[in-house]
C-alpha cells in the first residue's frame, strides 16, 4: 500500500464516536479519523516495516497516520534529525508515547535524546524524554543504574506533568540520595512536597 491507499484505509475505518472520545483520554489532535489502536496494529502486520511510508504518513499530520508511522518505521533508519523533528511536532501524549515506545527506543540515539530532551521547555518533547527513559528502564538491562540519574533528578525536583511511570527511577533516586554528599532531601520528601497532578 502507498500513502494514499493507507489514508483511504484509515478514513474508511474511522468513526465519529472514536474521534469524540479522544478528549476523554486527554488526546487533542487537529486531525483524527477515529481508528482504534487494534485496527492500526492489524494494518501494521499487513504492511511490515516500511520507513519511506512511515515518513510520508507522519508528514500527513493525521493522528492515526502518525501512530501507524511509529509502528512501521525502521529504527535503524531513524536519524537524529528525524527524532528532533518528530518530537517538535508531537501534539499529544498519544503520538509522543507511541513513537517513543515503538520506534525511538530502538534507535541508537535513545539515550542521547533522553539527555537532550529532558531539559526542553516544550511539554511533549520533555515527555518524550521520560517516555524513552521508562522504555530504557524496562528494556536496556545492561544500562547502569546511574544512567537514569541526571534527567531523573531534574524530573523529580522540577516535575512538569510528564511521565507517571518512573517507579524504578524513583527507587534508584532514593538510594542515591543516601550516597550523595550534601543534604539532599529524600525522594519521599520531594514527592510529598510536590504536586504531581
N, C-alpha and C. Protein backbone atom coordinates (compact mmCIF):
# COMPACT_ATOMS: atom_id res chain seq x y z
N UNK A 1 0.84 -1.19 0.00
CA UNK A 1 0.00 0.00 0.00
C UNK A 1 0.89 1.25 0.00
N UNK A 2 0.44 2.26 -0.71
CA UNK A 2 1.16 3.53 -0.66
C UNK A 2 0.44 4.47 0.32
N UNK A 3 0.97 5.67 0.45
CA UNK A 3 0.41 6.62 1.43
C UNK A 3 -1.07 6.88 1.17
N UNK A 4 -1.45 7.14 -0.09
CA UNK A 4 -2.85 7.45 -0.39
C UNK A 4 -3.77 6.29 -0.06
N UNK A 5 -3.33 5.08 -0.35
CA UNK A 5 -4.14 3.91 -0.03
C UNK A 5 -4.30 3.75 1.48
N UNK A 6 -3.22 3.99 2.22
CA UNK A 6 -3.30 3.90 3.68
C UNK A 6 -4.24 4.97 4.23
N UNK A 7 -4.14 6.18 3.71
CA UNK A 7 -5.01 7.25 4.19
C UNK A 7 -6.48 6.92 3.91
N UNK A 8 -6.76 6.34 2.76
CA UNK A 8 -8.13 5.93 2.44
C UNK A 8 -8.59 4.82 3.39
N UNK A 9 -7.70 3.89 3.69
CA UNK A 9 -8.00 2.80 4.62
C UNK A 9 -8.36 3.38 5.99
N UNK A 10 -7.58 4.34 6.45
CA UNK A 10 -7.84 4.98 7.75
C UNK A 10 -9.18 5.71 7.73
N UNK A 11 -9.44 6.42 6.64
CA UNK A 11 -10.69 7.18 6.54
C UNK A 11 -11.90 6.25 6.59
N UNK A 12 -11.82 5.11 5.89
CA UNK A 12 -12.94 4.16 5.86
C UNK A 12 -13.19 3.52 7.23
N UNK A 13 -12.13 3.32 8.01
CA UNK A 13 -12.28 2.61 9.28
C UNK A 13 -12.50 3.53 10.49
N UNK A 14 -12.38 4.80 10.27
CA UNK A 14 -12.59 5.74 11.37
C UNK A 14 -14.06 5.91 11.71
N UNK A 15 -14.30 6.24 12.98
CA UNK A 15 -15.67 6.51 13.41
C UNK A 15 -15.72 7.83 14.17
N UNK A 16 -16.84 8.52 14.02
CA UNK A 16 -17.03 9.78 14.74
C UNK A 16 -17.02 9.53 16.24
N UNK A 17 -17.59 8.42 16.66
CA UNK A 17 -17.64 8.09 18.10
C UNK A 17 -16.23 8.03 18.69
N UNK A 18 -15.31 7.38 17.96
CA UNK A 18 -13.94 7.28 18.46
C UNK A 18 -13.28 8.65 18.52
N UNK A 19 -13.51 9.48 17.50
CA UNK A 19 -12.95 10.84 17.50
C UNK A 19 -13.50 11.62 18.69
N UNK A 20 -14.77 11.50 18.96
CA UNK A 20 -15.39 12.25 20.06
C UNK A 20 -14.89 11.79 21.43
N UNK A 21 -14.39 10.57 21.51
CA UNK A 21 -13.88 10.05 22.78
C UNK A 21 -12.42 10.41 23.05
N UNK A 22 -11.70 10.89 22.06
CA UNK A 22 -10.29 11.22 22.25
C UNK A 22 -10.07 12.19 23.41
N UNK A 23 -10.83 13.29 23.51
CA UNK A 23 -10.61 14.21 24.63
C UNK A 23 -10.82 13.56 26.00
N UNK A 24 -11.66 12.55 26.04
CA UNK A 24 -11.88 11.83 27.31
C UNK A 24 -10.57 11.22 27.82
N UNK A 25 -9.69 10.88 26.90
CA UNK A 25 -8.40 10.30 27.26
C UNK A 25 -7.28 11.33 27.24
N UNK A 26 -7.63 12.59 27.15
CA UNK A 26 -6.64 13.65 27.17
C UNK A 26 -5.89 13.81 25.86
N UNK A 27 -6.49 13.35 24.78
CA UNK A 27 -5.83 13.44 23.47
C UNK A 27 -6.49 14.53 22.65
N UNK A 28 -5.71 15.55 22.34
CA UNK A 28 -6.16 16.61 21.45
C UNK A 28 -5.39 16.47 20.15
N UNK A 29 -6.12 16.26 19.07
CA UNK A 29 -5.50 16.11 17.76
C UNK A 29 -6.23 17.00 16.76
N UNK A 30 -5.48 17.74 15.97
CA UNK A 30 -6.10 18.63 14.99
C UNK A 30 -6.86 17.83 13.93
N UNK A 31 -6.29 16.70 13.55
CA UNK A 31 -6.90 15.85 12.52
C UNK A 31 -6.90 14.41 13.00
N UNK A 32 -8.08 13.80 13.09
CA UNK A 32 -8.19 12.41 13.52
C UNK A 32 -9.32 11.73 12.77
N UNK A 33 -9.08 10.48 12.39
CA UNK A 33 -10.09 9.68 11.71
C UNK A 33 -10.97 8.93 12.71
N UNK A 34 -10.41 8.57 13.86
CA UNK A 34 -11.16 7.77 14.82
C UNK A 34 -10.97 6.28 14.61
N UNK A 35 -9.73 5.87 14.36
CA UNK A 35 -9.40 4.46 14.15
C UNK A 35 -8.79 3.91 15.44
N UNK A 36 -9.23 2.73 15.82
CA UNK A 36 -8.73 2.13 17.07
C UNK A 36 -7.29 1.65 16.91
N UNK A 37 -6.60 1.55 18.04
CA UNK A 37 -5.22 1.04 18.03
C UNK A 37 -5.22 -0.41 17.55
N UNK A 38 -6.23 -1.19 17.90
CA UNK A 38 -6.30 -2.58 17.43
C UNK A 38 -6.29 -2.66 15.91
N UNK A 39 -7.05 -1.78 15.26
CA UNK A 39 -7.08 -1.75 13.79
C UNK A 39 -5.72 -1.34 13.24
N UNK A 40 -5.05 -0.38 13.89
CA UNK A 40 -3.73 0.05 13.44
C UNK A 40 -2.71 -1.08 13.58
N UNK A 41 -2.79 -1.82 14.67
CA UNK A 41 -1.86 -2.95 14.86
C UNK A 41 -2.10 -4.03 13.81
N UNK A 42 -3.34 -4.23 13.44
CA UNK A 42 -3.67 -5.20 12.38
C UNK A 42 -3.08 -4.75 11.04
N UNK A 43 -3.22 -3.46 10.74
CA UNK A 43 -2.65 -2.93 9.49
C UNK A 43 -1.13 -3.01 9.51
N UNK A 44 -0.54 -2.77 10.67
CA UNK A 44 0.93 -2.88 10.78
C UNK A 44 1.41 -4.27 10.35
N UNK A 45 0.69 -5.29 10.74
CA UNK A 45 1.08 -6.66 10.36
C UNK A 45 1.06 -6.82 8.84
N UNK A 46 0.08 -6.22 8.20
CA UNK A 46 0.00 -6.30 6.74
C UNK A 46 1.12 -5.53 6.06
N UNK A 47 1.46 -4.37 6.61
CA UNK A 47 2.44 -3.50 5.97
C UNK A 47 3.88 -3.90 6.25
N UNK A 48 4.16 -4.42 7.44
CA UNK A 48 5.54 -4.69 7.83
C UNK A 48 6.30 -3.39 8.01
N UNK A 49 7.62 -3.47 8.06
CA UNK A 49 8.45 -2.27 8.17
C UNK A 49 8.55 -1.59 6.82
N UNK A 50 8.29 -0.30 6.80
CA UNK A 50 8.37 0.48 5.56
C UNK A 50 8.70 1.92 5.96
N UNK A 51 9.99 2.21 6.00
CA UNK A 51 10.42 3.50 6.53
C UNK A 51 9.98 4.68 5.65
N UNK A 52 10.03 4.51 4.34
CA UNK A 52 9.60 5.59 3.45
C UNK A 52 8.12 5.91 3.67
N UNK A 53 7.30 4.88 3.79
CA UNK A 53 5.88 5.09 4.06
C UNK A 53 5.68 5.71 5.44
N UNK A 54 6.48 5.30 6.40
CA UNK A 54 6.42 5.87 7.74
C UNK A 54 6.62 7.39 7.70
N UNK A 55 7.65 7.82 6.99
CA UNK A 55 7.94 9.25 6.89
C UNK A 55 6.79 10.00 6.21
N UNK A 56 6.24 9.42 5.16
CA UNK A 56 5.14 10.08 4.45
C UNK A 56 3.89 10.17 5.33
N UNK A 57 3.61 9.12 6.08
CA UNK A 57 2.44 9.14 6.95
C UNK A 57 2.59 10.19 8.05
N UNK A 58 3.79 10.30 8.62
CA UNK A 58 4.00 11.31 9.66
C UNK A 58 3.72 12.71 9.11
N UNK A 59 4.20 12.97 7.92
CA UNK A 59 4.04 14.30 7.31
C UNK A 59 2.58 14.65 7.05
N UNK A 60 1.70 13.65 6.99
CA UNK A 60 0.28 13.93 6.73
C UNK A 60 -0.35 14.75 7.85
N UNK A 61 0.18 14.60 9.08
CA UNK A 61 -0.37 15.34 10.22
C UNK A 61 -1.60 14.71 10.86
N UNK A 62 -2.09 13.61 10.34
CA UNK A 62 -3.25 12.94 10.91
C UNK A 62 -2.82 12.05 12.06
N UNK A 63 -3.58 12.09 13.14
CA UNK A 63 -3.24 11.38 14.37
C UNK A 63 -2.97 9.90 14.14
N UNK A 64 -3.90 9.19 13.55
CA UNK A 64 -3.72 7.75 13.37
C UNK A 64 -2.62 7.43 12.36
N UNK A 65 -2.44 8.29 11.37
CA UNK A 65 -1.35 8.09 10.40
C UNK A 65 -0.01 8.21 11.12
N UNK A 66 0.08 9.11 12.08
CA UNK A 66 1.31 9.27 12.85
C UNK A 66 1.55 8.07 13.77
N UNK A 67 0.48 7.55 14.36
CA UNK A 67 0.65 6.34 15.19
C UNK A 67 1.15 5.19 14.32
N UNK A 68 0.55 5.03 13.15
CA UNK A 68 0.97 3.96 12.24
C UNK A 68 2.41 4.19 11.78
N UNK A 69 2.79 5.44 11.56
CA UNK A 69 4.17 5.75 11.17
C UNK A 69 5.15 5.21 12.21
N UNK A 70 4.81 5.36 13.48
CA UNK A 70 5.68 4.84 14.54
C UNK A 70 5.73 3.31 14.52
N UNK A 71 4.63 2.69 14.17
CA UNK A 71 4.56 1.23 14.19
C UNK A 71 5.31 0.58 13.03
N UNK A 72 5.41 1.27 11.88
CA UNK A 72 6.05 0.65 10.71
C UNK A 72 7.43 1.22 10.41
N UNK A 73 7.85 2.25 11.16
CA UNK A 73 9.17 2.84 10.92
C UNK A 73 10.29 1.85 11.25
N UNK A 74 11.41 2.03 10.60
CA UNK A 74 12.59 1.19 10.83
C UNK A 74 13.56 1.93 11.74
N UNK A 75 13.73 1.46 13.00
CA UNK A 75 14.59 2.19 13.94
C UNK A 75 16.04 2.32 13.47
N UNK A 76 16.49 1.42 12.63
CA UNK A 76 17.87 1.52 12.13
C UNK A 76 18.03 2.61 11.07
N UNK A 77 16.92 3.09 10.53
CA UNK A 77 16.98 4.16 9.52
C UNK A 77 16.61 5.52 10.09
N UNK A 78 16.20 5.55 11.36
CA UNK A 78 15.83 6.82 12.00
C UNK A 78 17.11 7.62 12.25
N UNK A 79 17.05 8.90 11.96
CA UNK A 79 18.18 9.79 12.19
C UNK A 79 17.91 10.71 13.38
N UNK A 80 18.96 11.33 13.87
CA UNK A 80 18.79 12.32 14.94
C UNK A 80 17.86 13.44 14.48
N UNK A 81 18.05 13.87 13.25
CA UNK A 81 17.23 14.95 12.69
C UNK A 81 15.75 14.57 12.69
N UNK A 82 15.45 13.32 12.27
CA UNK A 82 14.06 12.86 12.27
C UNK A 82 13.51 12.85 13.69
N UNK A 83 14.29 12.35 14.64
CA UNK A 83 13.81 12.31 16.03
C UNK A 83 13.48 13.71 16.54
N UNK A 84 14.36 14.65 16.28
CA UNK A 84 14.12 16.02 16.75
C UNK A 84 12.90 16.64 16.06
N UNK A 85 12.77 16.41 14.74
CA UNK A 85 11.64 16.99 14.01
C UNK A 85 10.32 16.39 14.49
N UNK A 86 10.28 15.08 14.67
CA UNK A 86 9.04 14.45 15.12
C UNK A 86 8.71 14.89 16.55
N UNK A 87 9.71 14.93 17.41
CA UNK A 87 9.46 15.35 18.80
C UNK A 87 8.92 16.78 18.83
N UNK A 88 9.45 17.64 17.99
CA UNK A 88 8.99 19.03 17.96
C UNK A 88 7.54 19.13 17.49
N UNK A 89 7.05 18.12 16.78
CA UNK A 89 5.68 18.19 16.27
C UNK A 89 4.71 17.27 17.02
N UNK A 90 5.16 16.64 18.13
CA UNK A 90 4.21 15.89 18.96
C UNK A 90 3.08 16.83 19.36
N UNK A 91 1.82 16.36 19.23
CA UNK A 91 0.72 17.23 19.64
C UNK A 91 -0.05 16.70 20.82
N UNK A 92 0.25 15.50 21.29
CA UNK A 92 -0.43 14.95 22.46
C UNK A 92 0.37 13.77 23.01
N UNK A 93 -0.06 13.26 24.16
CA UNK A 93 0.67 12.16 24.77
C UNK A 93 0.57 10.89 23.94
N UNK A 94 -0.49 10.72 23.17
CA UNK A 94 -0.69 9.51 22.38
C UNK A 94 0.35 9.35 21.30
N UNK A 95 0.58 10.39 20.52
CA UNK A 95 1.60 10.25 19.48
C UNK A 95 3.00 10.23 20.09
N UNK A 96 3.21 11.01 21.12
CA UNK A 96 4.51 11.04 21.80
C UNK A 96 4.89 9.65 22.33
N UNK A 97 4.01 9.07 23.12
CA UNK A 97 4.32 7.78 23.75
C UNK A 97 4.44 6.66 22.73
N UNK A 98 3.56 6.66 21.72
CA UNK A 98 3.60 5.61 20.71
C UNK A 98 4.91 5.65 19.94
N UNK A 99 5.31 6.84 19.54
CA UNK A 99 6.58 6.98 18.79
C UNK A 99 7.77 6.54 19.66
N UNK A 100 7.77 6.98 20.91
CA UNK A 100 8.89 6.63 21.79
C UNK A 100 8.93 5.14 22.11
N UNK A 101 7.77 4.54 22.41
CA UNK A 101 7.70 3.13 22.79
C UNK A 101 7.99 2.20 21.62
N UNK A 102 7.47 2.54 20.44
CA UNK A 102 7.54 1.60 19.33
C UNK A 102 8.66 1.87 18.33
N UNK A 103 9.24 3.06 18.36
CA UNK A 103 10.26 3.37 17.35
C UNK A 103 11.53 3.95 17.95
N UNK A 104 11.42 5.08 18.63
CA UNK A 104 12.62 5.79 19.08
C UNK A 104 13.44 5.00 20.10
N UNK A 105 12.79 4.23 20.94
CA UNK A 105 13.52 3.47 21.95
C UNK A 105 14.51 2.50 21.31
N UNK A 106 14.20 2.04 20.11
CA UNK A 106 15.01 1.03 19.44
C UNK A 106 16.13 1.62 18.59
N UNK A 107 16.25 2.95 18.60
CA UNK A 107 17.30 3.61 17.81
C UNK A 107 18.59 3.67 18.63
N UNK A 108 19.71 3.85 17.95
CA UNK A 108 20.97 4.01 18.70
C UNK A 108 21.09 5.36 19.41
N UNK A 109 20.12 6.25 19.20
CA UNK A 109 20.19 7.60 19.75
C UNK A 109 19.28 7.81 20.96
N UNK A 110 18.65 6.76 21.46
CA UNK A 110 17.65 6.91 22.52
C UNK A 110 18.22 7.59 23.76
N UNK A 111 19.35 7.11 24.27
CA UNK A 111 19.94 7.72 25.48
C UNK A 111 20.32 9.18 25.24
N UNK A 112 20.86 9.45 24.08
CA UNK A 112 21.24 10.82 23.74
C UNK A 112 20.03 11.75 23.79
N UNK A 113 18.90 11.29 23.28
CA UNK A 113 17.69 12.12 23.25
C UNK A 113 17.08 12.26 24.64
N UNK A 114 17.22 11.26 25.51
CA UNK A 114 16.76 11.40 26.89
C UNK A 114 17.45 12.60 27.52
N UNK A 115 18.76 12.64 27.38
CA UNK A 115 19.53 13.74 27.99
C UNK A 115 19.17 15.09 27.35
N UNK A 116 19.08 15.10 26.04
CA UNK A 116 18.80 16.36 25.33
C UNK A 116 17.39 16.86 25.62
N UNK A 117 16.40 16.00 25.51
CA UNK A 117 15.01 16.43 25.60
C UNK A 117 14.53 16.67 27.03
N UNK A 118 15.20 16.08 28.02
CA UNK A 118 14.71 16.21 29.40
C UNK A 118 14.74 17.67 29.88
N UNK A 119 15.57 18.49 29.27
CA UNK A 119 15.64 19.90 29.65
C UNK A 119 14.80 20.81 28.78
N UNK A 120 14.02 20.24 27.87
CA UNK A 120 13.23 21.07 26.96
C UNK A 120 12.08 21.78 27.67
N UNK A 121 11.80 23.02 27.29
CA UNK A 121 10.64 23.72 27.86
C UNK A 121 9.33 23.28 27.19
N UNK A 122 9.43 22.55 26.07
CA UNK A 122 8.23 22.08 25.35
C UNK A 122 7.70 20.83 26.02
N UNK A 123 6.45 20.84 26.47
CA UNK A 123 5.94 19.74 27.29
C UNK A 123 5.99 18.36 26.64
N UNK A 124 5.67 18.24 25.35
CA UNK A 124 5.67 16.91 24.77
C UNK A 124 7.06 16.45 24.35
N UNK A 125 7.98 17.38 24.11
CA UNK A 125 9.37 16.99 23.90
C UNK A 125 9.93 16.45 25.22
N UNK A 126 9.66 17.17 26.31
CA UNK A 126 10.10 16.73 27.63
C UNK A 126 9.48 15.37 27.96
N UNK A 127 8.19 15.22 27.67
CA UNK A 127 7.53 13.93 27.93
C UNK A 127 8.21 12.82 27.13
N UNK A 128 8.63 13.14 25.90
CA UNK A 128 9.34 12.15 25.08
C UNK A 128 10.58 11.64 25.78
N UNK A 129 11.30 12.53 26.47
CA UNK A 129 12.49 12.10 27.22
C UNK A 129 12.12 11.09 28.28
N UNK A 130 11.04 11.34 28.99
CA UNK A 130 10.66 10.44 30.09
C UNK A 130 10.00 9.16 29.59
N UNK A 131 9.32 9.25 28.45
CA UNK A 131 8.79 8.03 27.83
C UNK A 131 9.95 7.14 27.40
N UNK A 132 10.96 7.74 26.80
CA UNK A 132 12.15 6.97 26.41
C UNK A 132 12.85 6.38 27.64
N UNK A 133 12.97 7.20 28.68
CA UNK A 133 13.63 6.72 29.90
C UNK A 133 12.89 5.52 30.49
N UNK A 134 11.57 5.58 30.49
CA UNK A 134 10.78 4.46 31.02
C UNK A 134 11.00 3.21 30.17
N UNK A 135 11.04 3.37 28.85
CA UNK A 135 11.30 2.23 27.96
C UNK A 135 12.68 1.65 28.23
N UNK A 136 13.65 2.52 28.34
CA UNK A 136 15.02 2.06 28.57
C UNK A 136 15.16 1.39 29.93
N UNK A 137 14.44 1.88 30.93
CA UNK A 137 14.47 1.25 32.25
C UNK A 137 13.93 -0.17 32.17
N UNK A 138 12.95 -0.39 31.32
CA UNK A 138 12.37 -1.73 31.16
C UNK A 138 13.23 -2.65 30.29
N UNK A 139 13.77 -2.11 29.21
CA UNK A 139 14.38 -2.96 28.20
C UNK A 139 15.89 -2.95 28.13
N UNK A 140 16.54 -1.88 28.56
CA UNK A 140 18.01 -1.82 28.49
C UNK A 140 18.59 -2.32 29.80
N UNK A 141 18.59 -3.64 29.95
CA UNK A 141 19.04 -4.25 31.21
C UNK A 141 20.53 -4.03 31.45
N UNK A 142 21.28 -3.73 30.40
CA UNK A 142 22.72 -3.52 30.55
C UNK A 142 23.06 -2.11 31.03
N UNK A 143 22.10 -1.20 30.98
CA UNK A 143 22.37 0.18 31.38
C UNK A 143 22.61 0.25 32.88
N UNK A 144 23.70 0.88 33.28
CA UNK A 144 23.93 1.02 34.73
C UNK A 144 22.88 1.95 35.35
N UNK A 145 22.56 1.69 36.60
CA UNK A 145 21.54 2.49 37.28
C UNK A 145 21.85 3.98 37.23
N UNK A 146 23.13 4.34 37.29
CA UNK A 146 23.48 5.75 37.31
C UNK A 146 23.11 6.46 36.00
N UNK A 147 22.85 5.71 34.93
CA UNK A 147 22.43 6.33 33.67
C UNK A 147 21.13 7.09 33.81
N UNK A 148 20.31 6.69 34.77
CA UNK A 148 18.99 7.28 34.92
C UNK A 148 19.01 8.52 35.82
N UNK A 149 20.12 8.81 36.46
CA UNK A 149 20.15 9.88 37.45
C UNK A 149 19.98 11.29 36.92
N UNK A 150 20.80 11.77 35.98
CA UNK A 150 20.72 13.20 35.66
C UNK A 150 19.34 13.68 35.23
N UNK A 151 18.75 13.05 34.24
CA UNK A 151 17.43 13.50 33.78
C UNK A 151 16.36 13.20 34.82
N UNK A 152 16.49 12.09 35.51
CA UNK A 152 15.51 11.71 36.51
C UNK A 152 15.49 12.65 37.69
N UNK A 153 16.66 13.11 38.11
CA UNK A 153 16.73 14.04 39.22
C UNK A 153 16.04 15.34 38.87
N UNK A 154 16.25 15.80 37.65
CA UNK A 154 15.57 17.01 37.19
C UNK A 154 14.06 16.80 37.22
N UNK A 155 13.62 15.62 36.78
CA UNK A 155 12.18 15.34 36.74
C UNK A 155 11.58 15.35 38.13
N UNK A 156 12.30 14.81 39.10
CA UNK A 156 11.75 14.73 40.45
C UNK A 156 11.78 16.06 41.18
N UNK A 157 12.78 16.85 40.93
CA UNK A 157 12.89 18.12 41.63
C UNK A 157 12.05 19.21 40.97
N UNK A 158 11.83 19.09 39.64
CA UNK A 158 11.02 20.07 38.93
C UNK A 158 10.04 19.35 37.99
N UNK A 159 9.09 18.62 38.55
CA UNK A 159 8.17 17.87 37.69
C UNK A 159 7.30 18.80 36.86
N UNK A 160 6.85 18.31 35.73
CA UNK A 160 6.06 19.14 34.82
C UNK A 160 4.97 18.30 34.15
N UNK A 161 4.20 17.57 34.98
CA UNK A 161 3.13 16.72 34.46
C UNK A 161 3.65 15.85 33.33
N UNK A 162 4.78 15.23 33.52
CA UNK A 162 5.34 14.46 32.42
C UNK A 162 4.93 13.00 32.52
N UNK A 163 5.82 12.12 32.79
CA UNK A 163 5.55 10.69 32.71
C UNK A 163 5.39 10.10 34.09
N UNK A 164 4.29 9.39 34.29
CA UNK A 164 3.95 8.91 35.62
C UNK A 164 4.65 7.62 36.00
N UNK A 165 5.12 6.85 35.04
CA UNK A 165 5.66 5.52 35.34
C UNK A 165 7.17 5.57 35.55
N UNK A 166 7.60 6.17 36.63
CA UNK A 166 9.02 6.27 36.91
C UNK A 166 9.38 5.48 38.17
N UNK A 167 8.72 4.36 38.39
CA UNK A 167 8.93 3.57 39.61
C UNK A 167 10.37 3.20 39.86
N UNK A 168 11.01 2.59 38.88
CA UNK A 168 12.40 2.18 39.04
C UNK A 168 13.28 3.40 39.31
N UNK A 169 13.03 4.44 38.59
CA UNK A 169 13.82 5.65 38.74
C UNK A 169 13.69 6.23 40.14
N UNK A 170 12.48 6.29 40.66
CA UNK A 170 12.28 6.85 41.99
C UNK A 170 12.98 6.01 43.06
N UNK A 171 12.95 4.70 42.90
CA UNK A 171 13.64 3.81 43.84
C UNK A 171 15.15 4.08 43.79
N UNK A 172 15.68 4.21 42.58
CA UNK A 172 17.11 4.49 42.43
C UNK A 172 17.48 5.84 43.03
N UNK A 173 16.64 6.83 42.81
CA UNK A 173 16.92 8.16 43.36
C UNK A 173 16.95 8.14 44.88
N UNK A 174 16.04 7.39 45.48
CA UNK A 174 16.03 7.29 46.94
C UNK A 174 17.34 6.69 47.43
N UNK A 175 17.80 5.66 46.75
CA UNK A 175 19.07 5.02 47.11
C UNK A 175 20.24 6.01 46.96
N UNK A 176 20.21 6.76 45.83
CA UNK A 176 21.31 7.68 45.58
C UNK A 176 21.34 8.86 46.54
N UNK A 177 20.19 9.28 47.01
CA UNK A 177 20.20 10.42 47.93
C UNK A 177 20.98 10.09 49.19
N UNK A 178 21.00 8.82 49.55
CA UNK A 178 21.78 8.42 50.72
C UNK A 178 23.27 8.42 50.44
N UNK A 179 23.63 8.26 49.15
CA UNK A 179 25.04 8.17 48.78
C UNK A 179 25.65 9.51 48.38
N UNK A 180 24.81 10.44 47.99
CA UNK A 180 25.32 11.73 47.50
C UNK A 180 25.67 12.63 48.68
N UNK A 181 26.84 13.24 48.58
CA UNK A 181 27.24 14.15 49.66
C UNK A 181 26.31 15.36 49.67
N UNK A 182 26.17 15.94 50.82
CA UNK A 182 25.31 17.10 50.95
C UNK A 182 24.02 16.74 51.67
N UNK A 183 23.11 17.64 51.63
CA UNK A 183 21.86 17.48 52.35
C UNK A 183 20.67 17.43 51.40
N UNK A 184 20.70 16.56 50.41
CA UNK A 184 19.56 16.43 49.50
C UNK A 184 18.40 15.78 50.23
N UNK A 185 17.20 16.24 49.99
CA UNK A 185 16.04 15.58 50.61
C UNK A 185 15.81 14.21 49.98
N UNK A 186 15.15 13.34 50.70
CA UNK A 186 14.84 12.02 50.15
C UNK A 186 13.78 12.17 49.07
N UNK A 187 13.68 11.17 48.21
CA UNK A 187 12.67 11.18 47.17
C UNK A 187 11.28 11.27 47.78
N UNK A 188 11.07 10.60 48.90
CA UNK A 188 9.77 10.64 49.58
C UNK A 188 9.43 12.07 50.00
N UNK A 189 10.41 12.79 50.53
CA UNK A 189 10.16 14.16 50.97
C UNK A 189 9.87 15.06 49.77
N UNK A 190 10.61 14.86 48.67
CA UNK A 190 10.38 15.66 47.47
C UNK A 190 8.98 15.33 46.94
N UNK A 191 8.64 14.06 46.89
CA UNK A 191 7.34 13.64 46.40
C UNK A 191 6.21 14.24 47.23
N UNK A 192 6.35 14.25 48.56
CA UNK A 192 5.33 14.82 49.43
C UNK A 192 5.20 16.32 49.25
N UNK A 193 6.29 16.98 48.89
CA UNK A 193 6.30 18.44 48.80
C UNK A 193 5.84 18.95 47.44
N UNK A 194 5.75 18.05 46.44
CA UNK A 194 5.45 18.46 45.09
C UNK A 194 4.08 17.93 44.68
N UNK A 195 3.29 18.74 44.01
CA UNK A 195 2.01 18.29 43.48
C UNK A 195 2.26 17.55 42.18
N UNK A 196 1.84 16.31 42.06
CA UNK A 196 2.06 15.51 40.86
C UNK A 196 0.87 15.56 39.92
N UNK A 197 -0.13 16.33 40.23
CA UNK A 197 -1.30 16.37 39.35
C UNK A 197 -1.24 17.52 38.39
